[in-house]
N, C-alpha and C. Protein backbone atom coordinates (compact mmCIF):
# COMPACT_ATOMS: atom_id res chain seq x y z
N UNK A 1 0.82 -1.23 0.06
CA UNK A 1 0.10 0.02 0.03
C UNK A 1 0.86 1.19 -0.02
N UNK A 2 0.59 2.24 -0.78
CA UNK A 2 1.26 3.59 -0.75
C UNK A 2 0.50 4.55 -0.13
N UNK A 3 1.30 5.52 0.27
CA UNK A 3 0.65 6.73 1.08
C UNK A 3 0.24 7.80 0.13
N UNK A 4 -0.17 7.59 -1.08
CA UNK A 4 -0.50 8.53 -1.97
C UNK A 4 -1.55 7.94 -3.02
N UNK A 5 -2.25 8.70 -3.65
CA UNK A 5 -3.24 8.29 -4.73
C UNK A 5 -3.19 9.33 -5.82
N UNK A 6 -3.13 8.85 -7.02
CA UNK A 6 -2.85 9.80 -8.22
C UNK A 6 -4.19 9.44 -9.19
N UNK A 7 -4.57 10.60 -9.85
CA UNK A 7 -5.51 10.39 -10.90
C UNK A 7 -4.96 11.36 -12.01
N UNK A 8 -5.45 11.07 -13.32
CA UNK A 8 -5.12 11.87 -14.47
C UNK A 8 -6.41 12.52 -14.89
N UNK A 9 -6.47 13.88 -15.01
CA UNK A 9 -7.59 14.56 -15.55
C UNK A 9 -7.43 14.76 -17.02
N UNK A 10 -6.26 14.77 -17.52
CA UNK A 10 -6.06 15.24 -18.82
C UNK A 10 -5.79 16.76 -18.86
N UNK A 11 -5.95 17.40 -20.09
CA UNK A 11 -5.89 18.82 -20.21
C UNK A 11 -7.04 19.47 -19.58
N UNK A 12 -6.97 20.47 -18.78
CA UNK A 12 -8.05 21.34 -18.26
C UNK A 12 -9.02 21.75 -19.35
N UNK A 13 -8.52 22.11 -20.55
CA UNK A 13 -9.34 22.66 -21.52
C UNK A 13 -10.21 21.58 -22.01
N UNK A 14 -9.95 20.28 -21.82
CA UNK A 14 -10.81 19.07 -22.38
C UNK A 14 -11.95 18.75 -21.31
N UNK A 15 -11.75 19.20 -20.10
CA UNK A 15 -12.98 19.00 -19.19
C UNK A 15 -14.25 19.45 -19.69
N UNK A 16 -14.25 20.55 -20.51
CA UNK A 16 -15.49 21.15 -20.88
C UNK A 16 -16.34 20.06 -21.74
N UNK A 17 -15.75 18.90 -22.10
CA UNK A 17 -16.42 17.84 -22.74
C UNK A 17 -17.14 16.88 -21.74
N UNK A 18 -16.73 17.06 -20.44
CA UNK A 18 -17.41 16.23 -19.43
C UNK A 18 -18.85 16.69 -19.19
N UNK A 19 -19.64 15.90 -18.50
CA UNK A 19 -20.98 16.39 -17.97
C UNK A 19 -20.86 17.66 -17.02
N UNK A 20 -21.48 18.73 -17.49
CA UNK A 20 -21.30 19.90 -16.66
C UNK A 20 -19.94 20.52 -16.57
N UNK A 21 -18.96 20.01 -17.40
CA UNK A 21 -17.66 20.60 -17.51
C UNK A 21 -16.96 20.39 -16.06
N UNK A 22 -17.22 19.28 -15.38
CA UNK A 22 -16.74 19.30 -14.04
C UNK A 22 -16.18 17.91 -13.73
N UNK A 23 -15.16 17.91 -13.16
CA UNK A 23 -14.34 16.63 -12.68
C UNK A 23 -14.22 16.72 -11.11
N UNK A 24 -14.92 15.82 -10.41
CA UNK A 24 -14.89 15.67 -8.94
C UNK A 24 -13.66 14.90 -8.57
N UNK A 25 -12.90 15.21 -7.51
CA UNK A 25 -11.82 14.40 -7.02
C UNK A 25 -11.97 13.51 -5.81
N UNK A 26 -13.06 13.78 -5.14
CA UNK A 26 -13.36 12.93 -3.92
C UNK A 26 -13.22 11.49 -4.06
N UNK A 27 -13.96 11.00 -5.14
CA UNK A 27 -13.98 9.50 -5.26
C UNK A 27 -12.58 9.00 -5.96
N UNK A 28 -12.10 9.79 -6.84
CA UNK A 28 -10.91 9.44 -7.75
C UNK A 28 -9.72 9.36 -6.79
N UNK A 29 -9.69 10.29 -5.77
CA UNK A 29 -8.49 10.23 -4.84
C UNK A 29 -8.69 9.59 -3.41
N UNK A 30 -9.97 9.19 -3.28
CA UNK A 30 -10.43 8.82 -1.97
C UNK A 30 -10.21 9.83 -0.89
N UNK A 31 -10.43 11.03 -1.15
CA UNK A 31 -10.32 12.22 -0.16
C UNK A 31 -11.19 12.06 1.04
N UNK A 32 -10.57 12.36 2.17
CA UNK A 32 -11.35 12.32 3.48
C UNK A 32 -11.46 13.77 4.09
N UNK A 33 -10.89 14.62 3.57
CA UNK A 33 -11.00 15.91 4.38
C UNK A 33 -11.71 17.07 3.51
N UNK A 34 -12.02 16.72 2.21
CA UNK A 34 -12.57 17.84 1.50
C UNK A 34 -13.10 17.24 0.17
N UNK A 35 -13.72 17.99 -0.72
CA UNK A 35 -14.17 17.74 -2.00
C UNK A 35 -13.54 18.75 -2.89
N UNK A 36 -13.08 18.38 -4.11
CA UNK A 36 -12.38 19.50 -4.95
C UNK A 36 -13.02 19.12 -6.30
N UNK A 37 -13.42 20.25 -6.97
CA UNK A 37 -13.93 19.92 -8.30
C UNK A 37 -13.05 21.01 -9.23
N UNK A 38 -12.74 20.43 -10.40
CA UNK A 38 -12.09 21.25 -11.49
C UNK A 38 -13.16 21.45 -12.59
N UNK A 39 -13.26 22.66 -13.01
CA UNK A 39 -14.35 23.06 -13.80
C UNK A 39 -13.93 23.85 -14.98
N UNK A 40 -14.51 23.63 -16.12
CA UNK A 40 -14.30 24.22 -17.40
C UNK A 40 -15.56 24.28 -18.06
N UNK A 41 -16.10 25.54 -18.17
CA UNK A 41 -17.47 25.68 -18.82
C UNK A 41 -17.37 26.68 -19.89
N UNK A 42 -18.35 26.52 -20.92
CA UNK A 42 -18.37 27.37 -22.13
C UNK A 42 -18.97 28.84 -22.02
N UNK A 43 -18.54 29.58 -22.98
CA UNK A 43 -19.25 31.01 -22.90
C UNK A 43 -20.70 30.89 -22.79
N UNK A 44 -21.22 31.70 -21.90
CA UNK A 44 -22.70 31.79 -21.71
C UNK A 44 -23.25 30.76 -20.69
N UNK A 45 -22.38 29.92 -20.11
CA UNK A 45 -22.72 28.99 -18.98
C UNK A 45 -23.14 29.66 -17.78
N UNK A 46 -24.19 29.16 -17.23
CA UNK A 46 -24.59 29.68 -15.87
C UNK A 46 -25.19 28.45 -15.12
N UNK A 47 -24.76 28.31 -13.92
CA UNK A 47 -25.40 27.33 -13.06
C UNK A 47 -26.91 27.62 -13.07
N UNK A 48 -27.69 26.73 -13.37
CA UNK A 48 -29.25 27.11 -13.52
C UNK A 48 -30.00 27.14 -12.14
N UNK A 49 -29.25 27.14 -11.05
CA UNK A 49 -29.97 27.24 -9.68
C UNK A 49 -29.06 27.84 -8.61
N UNK A 50 -29.63 28.44 -7.57
CA UNK A 50 -28.76 28.80 -6.58
C UNK A 50 -28.71 27.59 -5.52
N UNK A 51 -27.63 27.48 -4.85
CA UNK A 51 -27.62 26.42 -3.75
C UNK A 51 -26.78 27.02 -2.62
N UNK A 52 -26.90 26.40 -1.38
CA UNK A 52 -26.06 26.43 -0.31
C UNK A 52 -25.74 25.12 0.33
N UNK A 53 -24.95 25.17 1.32
CA UNK A 53 -24.44 23.84 1.92
C UNK A 53 -24.99 23.78 3.34
N UNK A 54 -25.03 22.60 3.95
CA UNK A 54 -25.40 22.40 5.37
C UNK A 54 -24.21 22.73 6.15
N UNK A 55 -22.98 22.26 5.79
CA UNK A 55 -21.92 22.42 6.60
C UNK A 55 -20.59 22.68 5.99
N UNK A 56 -20.37 22.76 4.70
CA UNK A 56 -19.27 22.97 3.90
C UNK A 56 -19.15 24.50 3.39
N UNK A 57 -18.09 25.06 3.65
CA UNK A 57 -17.61 26.40 3.03
C UNK A 57 -17.00 26.01 1.69
N UNK A 58 -17.05 26.87 0.75
CA UNK A 58 -16.42 26.58 -0.56
C UNK A 58 -15.49 27.77 -0.85
N UNK A 59 -14.30 27.39 -1.45
CA UNK A 59 -13.31 28.24 -1.90
C UNK A 59 -13.19 28.20 -3.52
N UNK A 60 -13.50 29.15 -4.25
CA UNK A 60 -13.52 29.24 -5.63
C UNK A 60 -12.28 29.88 -6.09
N UNK A 61 -11.29 29.26 -6.84
CA UNK A 61 -10.18 29.79 -7.49
C UNK A 61 -10.32 29.84 -8.95
N UNK A 62 -10.31 31.04 -9.42
CA UNK A 62 -10.64 31.42 -10.80
C UNK A 62 -9.19 31.21 -11.62
N UNK A 63 -9.09 30.25 -12.58
CA UNK A 63 -8.10 30.07 -13.29
C UNK A 63 -8.02 30.64 -14.66
N UNK A 64 -9.10 30.90 -15.40
CA UNK A 64 -9.10 31.39 -16.62
C UNK A 64 -10.55 32.07 -16.94
N UNK A 65 -10.41 33.19 -17.64
CA UNK A 65 -11.75 33.76 -17.95
C UNK A 65 -12.34 34.86 -16.88
N UNK A 66 -13.62 35.07 -16.98
CA UNK A 66 -14.17 36.00 -16.02
C UNK A 66 -15.54 35.59 -15.95
N UNK A 67 -16.23 36.00 -14.73
CA UNK A 67 -17.69 35.73 -14.46
C UNK A 67 -18.14 36.41 -13.36
N UNK A 68 -19.46 35.98 -13.01
CA UNK A 68 -20.17 36.61 -11.95
C UNK A 68 -20.50 35.55 -10.93
N UNK A 69 -20.15 35.69 -9.76
CA UNK A 69 -20.74 34.94 -8.77
C UNK A 69 -21.84 35.74 -8.07
N UNK A 70 -23.12 35.08 -7.99
CA UNK A 70 -24.08 35.71 -7.22
C UNK A 70 -24.18 35.08 -5.82
N UNK A 71 -23.85 35.91 -4.86
CA UNK A 71 -23.71 35.46 -3.49
C UNK A 71 -24.77 36.18 -2.53
N UNK A 72 -25.81 35.57 -2.05
CA UNK A 72 -26.80 36.16 -1.29
C UNK A 72 -27.34 37.46 -2.16
N UNK A 73 -27.71 37.21 -3.31
CA UNK A 73 -28.17 38.25 -4.09
C UNK A 73 -27.24 39.31 -4.44
N UNK A 74 -25.97 39.22 -4.03
CA UNK A 74 -24.86 40.22 -4.55
C UNK A 74 -24.18 39.71 -5.68
N UNK A 75 -24.05 40.57 -6.84
CA UNK A 75 -23.25 40.15 -8.03
C UNK A 75 -21.71 40.49 -7.63
N UNK A 76 -20.96 39.49 -7.58
CA UNK A 76 -19.46 39.46 -7.39
C UNK A 76 -18.79 39.21 -8.62
N UNK A 77 -18.00 40.20 -9.10
CA UNK A 77 -17.31 39.97 -10.39
C UNK A 77 -15.98 39.16 -10.07
N UNK A 78 -15.70 38.27 -10.84
CA UNK A 78 -14.47 37.39 -10.57
C UNK A 78 -13.83 37.25 -11.98
N UNK A 79 -12.44 37.08 -11.90
CA UNK A 79 -11.59 36.94 -13.11
C UNK A 79 -10.38 36.09 -12.60
N UNK A 80 -9.63 35.83 -13.66
CA UNK A 80 -8.41 34.94 -13.51
C UNK A 80 -7.64 35.53 -12.45
N UNK A 81 -7.26 34.67 -11.39
CA UNK A 81 -6.62 35.14 -10.15
C UNK A 81 -7.46 35.50 -9.00
N UNK A 82 -8.78 35.62 -9.19
CA UNK A 82 -9.71 35.89 -8.02
C UNK A 82 -9.97 34.64 -7.24
N UNK A 83 -9.93 34.70 -5.84
CA UNK A 83 -10.25 33.63 -5.03
C UNK A 83 -11.37 34.09 -4.18
N UNK A 84 -12.48 33.32 -3.97
CA UNK A 84 -13.55 33.71 -3.11
C UNK A 84 -13.97 32.55 -2.18
N UNK A 85 -14.09 32.89 -0.90
CA UNK A 85 -14.65 31.84 0.09
C UNK A 85 -16.10 32.23 0.28
N UNK A 86 -16.96 31.10 0.19
CA UNK A 86 -18.35 31.39 0.38
C UNK A 86 -18.71 30.57 1.55
N UNK A 87 -19.45 31.09 2.64
CA UNK A 87 -19.90 30.49 3.84
C UNK A 87 -21.01 29.40 3.41
N UNK A 88 -21.15 28.45 4.21
CA UNK A 88 -22.17 27.33 3.94
C UNK A 88 -23.60 27.86 3.80
N UNK A 89 -23.94 28.69 4.70
CA UNK A 89 -25.37 29.31 4.70
C UNK A 89 -25.66 30.35 3.51
N UNK A 90 -24.60 30.68 2.73
CA UNK A 90 -24.84 31.71 1.71
C UNK A 90 -25.30 31.02 0.39
N UNK A 91 -26.47 31.77 -0.12
CA UNK A 91 -26.91 31.23 -1.47
C UNK A 91 -25.99 31.67 -2.45
N UNK A 92 -25.53 30.61 -3.54
CA UNK A 92 -24.60 31.10 -4.47
C UNK A 92 -24.88 30.54 -5.85
N UNK A 93 -24.45 31.07 -6.93
CA UNK A 93 -24.44 30.49 -8.29
C UNK A 93 -23.40 31.19 -8.85
N UNK A 94 -22.87 30.64 -10.04
CA UNK A 94 -21.88 31.12 -10.71
C UNK A 94 -22.08 31.15 -12.37
N UNK A 95 -21.58 32.21 -13.03
CA UNK A 95 -21.89 32.20 -14.52
C UNK A 95 -20.61 32.76 -15.19
N UNK A 96 -20.35 32.17 -16.42
CA UNK A 96 -19.32 32.66 -17.27
C UNK A 96 -19.67 33.88 -18.04
N UNK A 97 -19.08 35.04 -17.90
CA UNK A 97 -19.29 36.22 -18.65
C UNK A 97 -18.08 36.46 -19.73
N UNK A 98 -17.26 35.60 -19.84
CA UNK A 98 -16.09 35.61 -20.87
C UNK A 98 -16.59 35.45 -22.19
N UNK A 99 -15.83 35.87 -23.21
CA UNK A 99 -16.16 35.49 -24.54
C UNK A 99 -15.68 34.06 -24.91
N UNK A 100 -14.84 33.46 -23.83
CA UNK A 100 -14.33 32.17 -24.02
C UNK A 100 -14.65 31.25 -22.85
N UNK A 101 -13.96 30.10 -22.83
CA UNK A 101 -14.28 29.11 -21.74
C UNK A 101 -13.80 29.85 -20.36
N UNK A 102 -14.42 29.37 -19.32
CA UNK A 102 -14.20 29.76 -17.95
C UNK A 102 -13.71 28.64 -17.10
N UNK A 103 -12.64 28.67 -16.45
CA UNK A 103 -12.08 27.66 -15.65
C UNK A 103 -11.94 28.04 -14.23
N UNK A 104 -12.34 27.09 -13.38
CA UNK A 104 -12.05 27.40 -11.92
C UNK A 104 -11.95 26.15 -11.15
N UNK A 105 -11.45 26.16 -9.97
CA UNK A 105 -11.23 25.10 -8.98
C UNK A 105 -12.18 25.49 -7.84
N UNK A 106 -12.92 24.48 -7.37
CA UNK A 106 -13.85 24.68 -6.16
C UNK A 106 -13.46 23.63 -5.12
N UNK A 107 -12.96 24.15 -3.90
CA UNK A 107 -12.66 23.42 -2.74
C UNK A 107 -13.78 23.52 -1.74
N UNK A 108 -14.31 22.34 -1.27
CA UNK A 108 -15.39 22.31 -0.34
C UNK A 108 -14.91 21.54 0.89
N UNK A 109 -14.97 22.18 2.06
CA UNK A 109 -14.51 21.55 3.32
C UNK A 109 -15.50 22.04 4.49
N UNK A 110 -15.52 21.25 5.49
CA UNK A 110 -16.40 21.41 6.66
C UNK A 110 -15.79 22.74 7.36
N UNK A 111 -16.73 23.70 7.62
CA UNK A 111 -16.39 24.77 8.09
C UNK A 111 -15.96 24.59 9.62
N UNK A 112 -14.75 25.40 9.96
CA UNK A 112 -14.23 25.26 11.34
C UNK A 112 -13.54 23.90 11.64
N UNK A 113 -13.25 23.10 10.65
CA UNK A 113 -12.66 21.78 10.83
C UNK A 113 -11.10 21.81 10.70
N UNK A 114 -10.63 22.74 10.19
CA UNK A 114 -9.08 22.86 10.03
C UNK A 114 -8.33 23.22 11.28
N UNK A 115 -7.67 22.30 11.84
CA UNK A 115 -6.96 22.48 13.14
C UNK A 115 -5.55 22.88 13.00
N UNK A 116 -4.88 22.36 11.95
CA UNK A 116 -3.40 22.70 11.74
C UNK A 116 -3.31 22.88 10.21
N UNK A 117 -2.34 23.83 9.86
CA UNK A 117 -2.02 24.14 8.44
C UNK A 117 -0.77 24.73 8.31
N UNK A 118 -0.20 24.74 7.06
CA UNK A 118 1.08 25.36 6.81
C UNK A 118 2.27 24.55 7.55
N UNK A 119 3.21 25.30 8.08
CA UNK A 119 4.32 24.85 8.92
C UNK A 119 3.76 24.16 10.18
N UNK A 120 2.74 24.53 10.85
CA UNK A 120 2.28 23.95 12.08
C UNK A 120 1.87 22.50 11.81
N UNK A 121 1.68 22.13 10.57
CA UNK A 121 1.24 20.75 10.34
C UNK A 121 2.24 20.00 9.64
N UNK A 122 3.54 20.54 9.69
CA UNK A 122 4.65 19.99 8.95
C UNK A 122 5.73 19.50 9.98
N UNK A 123 6.36 18.52 9.58
CA UNK A 123 7.58 18.02 10.30
C UNK A 123 8.66 17.65 9.33
N UNK A 124 9.87 18.02 9.54
CA UNK A 124 10.99 17.64 8.76
C UNK A 124 11.37 16.16 8.91
N UNK A 125 11.66 15.45 7.61
CA UNK A 125 11.89 14.01 7.61
C UNK A 125 13.34 13.89 7.23
């Protein structure tokens, strides 16, 4: 048994061909602390519903393009390099306002569950 798990997504630009342009990593990597999705959506794409979570906050990392996240009825403009944390109870949706593909990573983890991070959770080997 190894202490790591690897998966291959292929080129991010090719994710657009998947259902909803989304690859979830929880099952593929047997994640136990979070869910991560890699997303590539076409021009004009908009998540057709608002949603919120019961216990997980989300962090959106915009990789390519620009869009609008509507969070609790507030339009928040995002672009390549934007990073947005959304609390579980916030209603949210996201849309691509680019002339091209829009790519982002979404990390979902239980709010207030992180106990150690960075160098506090590291030890030299």
